Protein backbone atom coordinates (compact mmCIF):
# COMPACT_ATOMS: atom_id res chain seq x y z
CA MET A 1 84.59 128.59 108.24
CA SER A 2 87.60 126.35 108.80
CA GLU A 3 90.81 126.64 106.85
CA THR A 4 91.55 124.04 104.22
CA ALA A 5 94.80 122.24 103.54
CA THR A 6 96.34 120.10 100.84
CA TYR A 7 97.77 116.82 102.03
CA ARG A 8 100.10 114.52 100.09
CA VAL A 9 99.27 111.01 101.27
CA THR A 10 101.80 108.28 100.43
CA VAL A 11 100.64 104.71 101.06
CA VAL A 12 103.11 101.81 101.00
CA THR A 13 101.77 98.26 100.59
CA GLY A 14 103.71 95.33 102.05
CA THR A 15 105.76 92.80 100.09
CA ALA A 16 104.20 89.50 101.23
CA ARG A 17 102.34 87.29 98.77
CA GLY A 18 98.76 88.53 98.42
CA ALA A 19 99.56 91.86 100.09
CA GLY A 20 97.66 94.02 97.58
CA THR A 21 93.96 94.79 97.48
CA ASP A 22 91.43 95.90 94.89
CA ALA A 23 89.00 97.03 97.59
CA ASP A 24 88.15 100.73 98.01
CA VAL A 25 90.37 102.40 100.63
CA TYR A 26 89.30 105.28 102.90
CA ILE A 27 91.25 107.48 105.31
CA THR A 28 90.34 109.90 108.11
CA LEU A 29 92.93 112.45 109.28
CA ILE A 30 92.84 113.27 113.00
CA GLY A 31 94.75 116.26 114.34
CA ASP A 32 94.97 118.38 117.46
CA ALA A 33 92.54 120.95 116.02
CA ASP A 34 90.02 118.92 114.03
CA SER A 35 89.45 115.79 111.95
CA THR A 36 88.37 115.20 108.38
CA PRO A 37 85.39 113.21 107.25
CA GLU A 38 86.27 109.88 105.68
CA LEU A 39 88.10 110.51 102.39
CA VAL A 40 88.51 108.03 99.54
CA LEU A 41 92.01 107.20 98.28
CA ASP A 42 91.62 106.59 94.59
CA GLY A 43 94.09 107.25 91.81
CA ALA A 44 94.07 106.78 88.07
CA SER A 45 95.99 103.51 88.25
CA ASN A 46 95.50 100.14 89.91
CA ASP A 47 96.37 101.22 93.46
CA PHE A 48 97.50 99.22 96.50
CA GLU A 49 99.29 96.42 94.67
CA ARG A 50 101.96 94.32 96.41
CA SER A 51 105.21 96.29 97.05
CA ALA A 52 103.62 99.45 95.58
CA THR A 53 103.88 103.04 96.74
CA ASN A 54 100.84 105.16 95.84
CA THR A 55 100.59 108.92 96.31
CA PHE A 56 97.38 110.95 96.52
CA GLN A 57 96.60 114.66 96.84
CA LEU A 58 93.75 115.38 99.25
CA HIS A 59 92.10 118.74 99.82
CA ALA A 60 90.42 118.81 103.21
CA ILE A 61 89.92 120.74 106.41
CA ASP A 62 93.16 121.74 108.16
CA VAL A 63 93.30 119.39 111.15
CA GLY A 64 96.28 121.11 112.78
CA THR A 65 99.12 118.84 113.88
CA LEU A 66 98.39 115.35 112.60
CA GLN A 67 98.21 112.85 115.45
CA ARG A 68 96.37 109.79 114.14
CA ILE A 69 94.75 108.37 111.06
CA ARG A 70 92.00 105.84 110.61
CA ILE A 71 92.37 103.78 107.45
CA ARG A 72 90.06 101.05 106.18
CA HIS A 73 88.92 99.22 103.11
CA THR A 74 85.59 97.87 101.92
CA ASN A 75 86.71 94.21 101.86
CA THR A 76 85.39 93.81 98.31
CA GLY A 77 86.86 91.81 95.45
CA ILE A 78 88.79 88.55 95.33
CA GLY A 79 91.58 88.43 97.92
CA ALA A 80 90.48 91.72 99.46
CA GLY A 81 92.95 91.46 102.36
CA TRP A 82 95.64 94.16 102.38
CA LEU A 83 99.05 94.29 104.07
CA LEU A 84 99.64 97.96 104.85
CA ASP A 85 103.28 98.77 105.57
CA HIS A 86 102.94 102.48 106.41
CA VAL A 87 101.37 105.80 105.48
CA ARG A 88 103.24 109.10 105.20
CA ILE A 89 101.32 112.39 105.11
CA ARG A 90 102.70 115.82 104.31
CA ASN A 91 100.79 119.05 104.79
CA GLU A 92 101.83 120.81 101.58
CA GLY A 93 101.16 124.26 103.06
CA THR A 94 103.34 123.87 106.15
CA GLY A 95 105.77 121.22 104.92
CA VAL A 96 105.19 119.20 108.09
CA GLU A 97 105.26 115.45 107.50
CA ALA A 98 104.18 112.54 109.71
CA THR A 99 104.67 108.79 109.29
CA PHE A 100 102.14 106.24 110.50
CA PRO A 101 103.68 102.75 110.73
CA CYS A 102 101.38 99.76 110.42
CA GLY A 103 103.01 96.53 109.20
CA ARG A 104 99.75 94.62 109.64
CA TRP A 105 97.01 93.06 107.58
CA LEU A 106 93.64 94.69 107.10
CA ALA A 107 91.80 91.48 106.30
CA THR A 108 88.95 89.34 107.57
CA ASP A 109 91.04 86.19 107.08
CA GLU A 110 94.45 87.40 108.36
CA ASP A 111 95.87 88.86 111.59
CA ASP A 112 92.99 89.86 113.93
CA GLY A 113 90.28 89.92 111.23
CA GLN A 114 89.92 93.72 111.18
CA THR A 115 89.71 95.82 108.00
CA THR A 116 90.11 99.13 109.86
CA ARG A 117 93.24 100.36 111.66
CA GLU A 118 93.78 103.49 113.73
CA LEU A 119 97.45 104.45 113.51
CA THR A 120 99.45 106.92 115.59
CA ALA A 121 102.19 109.16 114.21
CA ALA A 122 105.68 107.80 114.91
């Protein structure tokens, strides 16, 4: 059986008008040893609002050294488009942190029309 890890996932939404989303957001962690299934990012508050920083604790398989993430949303709700600034992930067990810059829209009516992005660690 694979080891598990606790990840602190910090998501920063952009500052442009309409940058926030009420859609459901999912993330997949991809490392040099393994990858997680798709995990939902959902907190107790209204997450992913314009200029907001949201932090989540995820318990998942230890993927080794984080290399990429895949992040997407369900494109549901009014003004579902989302301007994702960046994602920062810290493996709480090892203390290793990685940042995944984005600076792009995940929206059917903005940018390239995609609601999924695969991001590489900076």
